[in-house]
Amino acid sequence: MRVGIAGLGSVGLPVARRLADGIPGLTLVGVSVRDTQKARRALGEAITIVEPGGLAEFCDVVVEGLPPALFLEVARPAVEAGRIFMPLSVGQLLIHDDLVARARVTGARILPPTGALLALDAVRAAAEGEIRSVTMVTRKPPGGLEGAPYLVANGISLKGLQEPLKVFDGSARDGARGFPANVNVAAALSLAGIGPDRTRLQIWADPGVDRNIHRIEVEADSARFSMQIENVPSLENPRTGRITALSTIAALRGLVSELRVGS
C-alpha cells in the first residue's frame, strides 16, 4: 500500500522514518510539508513533496498530522478520492462530521489510530450493547495546555500555577472546539462509544505531573471499567504523547498484517 503523510511534526516524522526503514506491505511515497529542506534532510532527496490535497491523487493511505486549521486541506481530497484516511487531529471529525457521511458515498475509510488512549476496543465492544455513561479526566502539565483557544477566550492564565486547576468541564464536542490540539483522545473515545455530546470531559492543568494523564470511567450494561494511561510527552510537542506515533505505526501495520489482534 502506498502511504502519504501530511505533516512531519512530532508524530508524522517518526512515522515517516519507520516507513522509510521498511515495513512489509507499506511504502512511503510522498509527504506534504512547509519546510521542504527539512523533509529532504530527514527522508532523502528522492522523497516526493506535494500540497496536502495532492497526496490523495497517488496514495492508498493518507495520514494527517497537520495543525487543526489545515485539517480539511488533506481530509476532503482523501475522502473524495475514496482513500483510507488516517487522521491524527481526531477532534476535527466532531466539527466536520459531514466527512463520515461523504465517505459512505465515495467508499473512503476513516481510521483514526488509537493514539494516546488505551482500551478503545473495550469501549467499542460495550457500544454494541448499552453504554450508560463515559467520563474522561485529563491532567496535563500547564505547558501542554498553553495557548488553547478556550483558555484564551476565557482569560485563563496558567503562568506560575502552583496547584491543580480544572480549566474545562463539559462535553467532548465542546472540548474539541476549545482545545483542538489537546483532546484528540477524548474525540476518539466519544466516536468509539456514545458520541461527543454524551461523553463528559474534564481537563486539569496540573503542575505536579510531568506526563499527560487520561483516566476513563465507563458504565455499561455489559461491564463497568476504568482505565488510566500516563503518556510521556514528546520532546518536540508537549501536547502530544510519544506513544501517538507508535500507535499510528501499529495502525498502518495492521492494514497489511497477516495477523491483527483486537477488534
Protein backbone atom coordinates (compact mmCIF):
# COMPACT_ATOMS: atom_id res chain seq x y z
CA MET A 1 0.00 0.00 0.00
CA ARG A 2 1.22 3.47 -0.89
CA VAL A 3 1.28 5.81 2.11
CA GLY A 4 1.41 9.59 2.15
CA ILE A 5 1.89 11.75 5.25
CA ALA A 6 0.68 15.33 5.65
CA GLY A 7 2.88 16.98 8.25
CA LEU A 8 6.24 15.90 9.64
CA GLY A 9 5.89 17.01 13.22
CA SER A 10 6.26 15.08 16.46
CA VAL A 11 4.11 12.25 15.06
CA GLY A 12 4.47 12.45 11.30
CA LEU A 13 8.27 12.40 11.21
CA PRO A 14 8.77 9.26 13.36
CA VAL A 15 6.09 7.51 11.31
CA ALA A 16 7.74 8.56 8.05
CA ARG A 17 11.15 7.36 9.23
CA ARG A 18 9.76 3.98 10.29
CA LEU A 19 8.10 3.57 6.89
CA ALA A 20 11.31 4.62 5.14
CA ASP A 21 13.21 1.99 7.14
CA GLY A 22 10.81 -0.61 5.80
CA ILE A 23 7.50 -2.18 6.83
CA PRO A 24 6.50 -5.11 4.58
CA GLY A 25 3.44 -4.21 2.55
CA LEU A 26 3.74 -0.46 3.07
CA THR A 27 5.70 2.13 1.08
CA LEU A 28 6.13 5.81 1.88
CA VAL A 29 5.55 7.55 -1.46
CA GLY A 30 5.02 11.19 -0.55
CA VAL A 31 4.75 13.87 2.12
CA SER A 32 3.27 17.33 2.45
CA VAL A 33 5.29 19.85 4.47
CA ARG A 34 6.03 23.54 4.69
CA ASP A 35 9.79 23.07 5.16
CA THR A 36 10.85 21.05 2.12
CA GLN A 37 14.54 21.22 3.00
CA LYS A 38 13.89 19.72 6.43
CA ALA A 39 11.90 16.91 4.82
CA ARG A 40 14.65 16.12 2.34
CA ARG A 41 17.29 16.13 5.08
CA ALA A 42 15.21 13.73 7.13
CA LEU A 43 13.96 11.42 4.37
CA GLY A 44 16.32 11.86 1.44
CA GLU A 45 16.33 13.90 -1.73
CA ALA A 46 14.13 11.44 -3.61
CA ILE A 47 11.03 11.92 -1.43
CA THR A 48 8.05 13.36 -3.31
CA ILE A 49 6.69 16.55 -1.75
CA VAL A 50 3.25 17.86 -2.70
CA GLU A 51 0.47 20.07 -1.36
CA PRO A 52 -1.78 18.40 1.26
CA GLY A 53 -4.59 17.77 -1.18
CA GLY A 54 -2.22 16.23 -3.70
CA LEU A 55 -1.47 13.16 -1.58
CA ALA A 56 -4.88 11.67 -2.35
CA GLU A 57 -4.03 11.58 -6.06
CA PHE A 58 -1.44 8.80 -5.72
CA CYS A 59 -1.62 7.39 -2.19
CA ASP A 60 -3.77 4.49 -0.97
CA VAL A 61 -3.47 5.71 2.63
CA VAL A 62 -3.27 9.35 3.70
CA VAL A 63 -2.06 10.10 7.25
CA GLU A 64 -2.96 13.56 8.56
CA GLY A 65 -0.66 15.19 11.11
CA LEU A 66 -1.26 18.87 10.44
CA PRO A 67 -2.30 21.77 12.67
CA PRO A 68 -6.10 21.59 13.11
CA ALA A 69 -6.63 24.69 10.96
CA LEU A 70 -5.25 22.81 7.94
CA PHE A 71 -7.19 19.60 8.56
CA LEU A 72 -9.71 19.97 5.71
CA GLU A 73 -6.97 20.61 3.14
CA VAL A 74 -5.98 16.97 3.36
CA ALA A 75 -9.19 15.42 4.70
CA ARG A 76 -11.62 16.38 1.95
CA PRO A 77 -9.45 15.30 -1.01
CA ALA A 78 -8.67 11.98 0.69
CA VAL A 79 -12.33 11.24 1.37
CA GLU A 80 -13.45 12.39 -2.08
CA ALA A 81 -10.86 10.10 -3.69
CA GLY A 82 -12.11 7.12 -1.67
CA ARG A 83 -8.80 6.63 0.14
CA ILE A 84 -8.04 5.26 3.58
CA PHE A 85 -7.79 8.42 5.66
CA MET A 86 -5.96 8.21 8.99
CA PRO A 87 -6.48 11.48 10.91
CA LEU A 88 -4.45 12.40 13.97
CA SER A 89 -6.50 15.58 14.53
CA VAL A 90 -9.43 13.38 15.53
CA GLY A 91 -11.23 16.26 17.23
CA GLN A 92 -11.79 17.81 13.81
CA LEU A 93 -14.10 14.91 12.94
CA LEU A 94 -16.50 16.19 15.60
CA ILE A 95 -16.57 19.58 13.89
CA HIS A 96 -16.63 18.26 10.31
CA ASP A 97 -18.81 15.19 10.80
CA ASP A 98 -20.10 15.51 7.22
CA LEU A 99 -16.88 13.74 6.19
CA VAL A 100 -18.24 10.47 7.57
CA ALA A 101 -21.42 10.74 5.51
CA ARG A 102 -19.38 11.61 2.45
CA ALA A 103 -17.13 8.57 2.98
CA ARG A 104 -20.19 6.32 2.73
CA VAL A 105 -20.72 7.66 -0.77
CA THR A 106 -17.12 7.63 -2.02
CA GLY A 107 -16.01 4.38 -0.37
CA ALA A 108 -13.38 6.08 1.74
CA ARG A 109 -12.49 4.66 5.16
CA ILE A 110 -11.71 6.99 8.06
CA LEU A 111 -9.49 5.16 10.54
CA PRO A 112 -8.19 7.25 13.45
CA PRO A 113 -5.35 5.48 15.31
CA THR A 114 -5.84 4.63 18.96
CA GLY A 115 -3.26 7.29 19.77
CA ALA A 116 -2.67 8.12 23.42
CA LEU A 117 -5.75 6.24 24.64
CA LEU A 118 -5.82 2.63 25.76
CA ALA A 119 -8.64 0.07 25.57
CA LEU A 120 -10.71 1.62 22.79
CA ASP A 121 -11.54 -1.99 21.88
CA ALA A 122 -13.37 -2.36 25.19
CA VAL A 123 -15.38 0.81 24.59
CA ARG A 124 -16.27 -0.24 21.04
CA ALA A 125 -17.37 -3.64 22.28
CA ALA A 126 -19.51 -2.10 25.06
CA ALA A 127 -21.11 0.21 22.48
CA GLU A 128 -22.57 -2.84 20.73
CA GLY A 129 -24.69 -3.12 23.88
CA GLU A 130 -25.75 -0.16 26.01
CA ILE A 131 -23.30 2.34 27.47
CA ARG A 132 -24.88 4.48 30.18
CA SER A 133 -22.05 6.92 30.78
CA VAL A 134 -18.48 7.74 29.78
CA THR A 135 -16.34 10.23 31.66
CA MET A 136 -12.76 11.19 30.89
CA VAL A 137 -10.48 13.23 33.14
CA THR A 138 -7.31 14.60 31.54
CA ARG A 139 -4.42 16.05 33.51
CA LYS A 140 -1.57 17.77 31.73
CA PRO A 141 1.41 19.91 32.69
CA PRO A 142 0.37 23.57 32.24
CA GLY A 143 2.80 23.99 29.34
CA GLY A 144 0.90 21.37 27.38
CA LEU A 145 -2.28 23.47 27.50
CA GLU A 146 -0.88 26.96 26.94
CA GLY A 147 -2.48 28.80 24.04
CA ALA A 148 -5.63 26.66 23.83
CA PRO A 149 -8.50 28.73 22.32
CA TYR A 150 -10.75 28.04 25.32
CA LEU A 151 -8.16 29.41 27.74
CA VAL A 152 -7.56 32.49 25.60
CA ALA A 153 -11.28 33.19 25.14
CA ASN A 154 -11.96 32.90 28.86
CA GLY A 155 -8.87 34.78 30.01
CA ILE A 156 -7.45 31.79 31.90
CA SER A 157 -3.73 32.10 32.57
CA LEU A 158 -1.63 29.14 33.66
CA LYS A 159 1.57 31.07 34.30
CA GLY A 160 3.00 30.42 37.73
CA LEU A 161 0.35 27.83 38.55
CA GLN A 162 1.15 26.20 41.90
CA GLU A 163 -1.70 23.69 42.29
CA PRO A 164 -4.05 21.71 40.01
CA LEU A 165 -6.66 23.83 38.26
CA LYS A 166 -9.73 22.47 36.46
CA VAL A 167 -9.90 24.50 33.27
CA PHE A 168 -12.75 22.72 31.49
CA ASP A 169 -15.78 20.59 32.36
CA GLY A 170 -18.21 19.77 29.57
CA SER A 171 -18.86 17.59 26.56
CA ALA A 172 -16.21 16.06 24.33
CA ARG A 173 -17.59 18.09 21.42
CA ASP A 174 -17.11 21.39 23.25
CA GLY A 175 -13.71 20.21 24.44
CA ALA A 176 -12.63 19.55 20.86
CA ARG A 177 -13.54 23.11 19.91
CA GLY A 178 -11.84 24.68 22.89
CA PHE A 179 -8.71 22.51 22.96
CA PRO A 180 -8.18 21.37 19.34
CA ALA A 181 -4.54 20.36 19.87
CA ASN A 182 -5.07 18.67 23.23
CA VAL A 183 -8.10 16.38 23.35
CA ASN A 184 -7.96 14.18 20.28
CA VAL A 185 -8.08 11.27 22.73
CA ALA A 186 -11.47 12.44 24.02
CA ALA A 187 -12.75 12.75 20.46
CA ALA A 188 -11.64 9.19 19.66
CA LEU A 189 -13.25 7.95 22.87
CA SER A 190 -16.54 9.63 22.01
CA LEU A 191 -16.58 8.23 18.48
CA ALA A 192 -15.91 4.73 19.78
CA GLY A 193 -18.62 4.97 22.43
CA ILE A 194 -21.73 7.09 22.99
CA GLY A 195 -20.91 10.15 20.91
CA PRO A 196 -19.36 13.57 21.53
CA ASP A 197 -22.37 15.15 23.24
CA ARG A 198 -22.88 12.45 25.88
CA THR A 199 -19.18 11.84 26.60
CA ARG A 200 -18.13 14.01 29.54
CA LEU A 201 -14.69 15.59 29.71
CA GLN A 202 -12.72 17.33 32.43
CA ILE A 203 -9.36 18.96 31.73
CA TRP A 204 -6.95 19.87 34.52
CA ALA A 205 -3.75 21.86 34.33
CA ASP A 206 -1.58 20.21 36.94
CA PRO A 207 1.93 21.49 37.74
CA GLY A 208 2.52 18.35 39.81
CA VAL A 209 2.58 15.98 36.82
CA ASP A 210 5.16 15.55 34.08
CA ARG A 211 3.04 13.27 31.89
CA ASN A 212 -0.24 13.56 30.02
CA ILE A 213 -2.64 11.52 32.16
CA HIS A 214 -6.02 10.29 30.91
CA ARG A 215 -8.46 8.45 33.18
CA ILE A 216 -11.69 6.99 31.78
CA GLU A 217 -14.74 5.66 33.61
CA VAL A 218 -17.29 3.63 31.64
CA GLU A 219 -20.63 2.33 32.91
CA ALA A 220 -22.36 -0.12 30.55
CA ASP A 221 -24.83 -2.99 30.67
CA SER A 222 -22.02 -5.42 29.81
CA ALA A 223 -19.28 -4.12 32.10
CA ARG A 224 -18.07 -1.37 34.36
CA PHE A 225 -14.45 -0.43 33.81
CA SER A 226 -11.91 2.28 34.40
CA MET A 227 -8.65 2.92 32.62
CA GLN A 228 -5.71 5.23 33.17
CA ILE A 229 -2.72 5.91 30.99
CA GLU A 230 0.22 8.21 31.71
CA ASN A 231 1.85 9.24 28.47
CA VAL A 232 5.33 10.67 28.20
CA PRO A 233 5.07 13.96 26.24
CA SER A 234 7.12 14.16 23.08
CA LEU A 235 10.18 16.41 23.21
CA GLU A 236 9.08 18.33 20.11
CA ASN A 237 5.48 18.97 21.23
CA PRO A 238 4.38 18.56 24.87
CA ARG A 239 0.74 18.48 23.74
CA THR A 240 1.35 15.07 22.15
CA GLY A 241 2.42 11.84 23.83
CA ARG A 242 5.28 9.81 22.39
CA ILE A 243 3.00 6.78 22.13
CA THR A 244 0.87 8.51 19.48
CA ALA A 245 3.47 7.98 16.75
CA LEU A 246 3.89 4.34 17.76
CA SER A 247 0.12 3.86 17.68
CA THR A 248 -0.02 5.28 14.17
CA ILE A 249 2.70 2.89 13.02
CA ALA A 250 0.80 -0.01 14.58
CA ALA A 251 -2.41 1.08 12.84
CA LEU A 252 -0.64 1.22 9.47
CA ARG A 253 0.94 -2.17 10.06
CA GLY A 254 -2.50 -3.57 10.87
CA LEU A 255 -3.68 -2.66 7.37
CA VAL A 256 -1.36 -5.23 5.81
CA SER A 257 -0.52 -7.70 8.57
CA GLU A 258 -1.48 -11.36 8.26
CA LEU A 259 -2.47 -11.34 11.96
CA ARG A 260 -4.28 -8.47 13.59
CA VAL A 261 -5.14 -8.77 17.28
CA GLY A 262 -8.14 -6.82 18.55
CA SER A 263 -11.45 -5.75 17.09
